[in-house]
Amino acid sequence: MTLQLDLFGADDAAAPPAGLSLSGRLVEPDEDARLADLIDATGLSPFRFQQWTGKRMTRSFGWHYDFEGGGIAHAEPMPDWLADIRQRTVSAFGDDPAHYEQALLIRYDPGAGIGWHRDRPQFGRVIGLSLGTPATMRLRKRSGAGFERTSFELEPGHAYRLDGPARREWEHSIVPLEQPRWSITFRTLA
């Protein structure tokens, strides 16, 4: 069951971006810790963007984006445990899990976040499952000389979905964290 996200109370002027929705709790705390251990056991490596190395650790399955060459390439198939969590997470949004061919595992160590970006155009819809500590996802969209902005909490065991304008027109970022966080992101191909 998905919920259309209501980021604001009645007194706020802004509205959540079209195409942004959240699930209810999909993963209980004991499974959250087990999934974090499974992610850590996949051979994570530091995120690299050209000559820059990020503070977060990553691993891709299905497809991998090459930040130096600028395209996507096949990666190892998803392990069974990851395919199982894809089934549950993607189905919560009413989507066909078979369409989500790429998985990105990320561990955010203390002090790690992720700057403003849109997922690469080679990918379509994005569904992310948040694990570990709560995090704040910020969104912004250029408007005139400035930006429209909003944010919401990513609760452990809950997922979000970006499609349509939320995916194509808005950038998102994760505020740096003081405690470890893990995420599993599933993407369709564009």
Foldseek 3Di string as FASTA:
>chain_A
DKDADAQDDPPDDDGDDPQKIKFDFQDDQVVLVVVVVVLVVPPWDFDDQPPDTFQKTKDKAQWDADNVVGGIDHDHHDPPVLLVVLCRQVVRVVDDSVQQRMKMKMKAAAQGKWDWDAPDLQWAKKKKAKGDQKWKKKKWFDDVPRIDIDIDIRHHRMMMIGHDCSRPGMIIMIDGHRHMMMMMMTTGGD
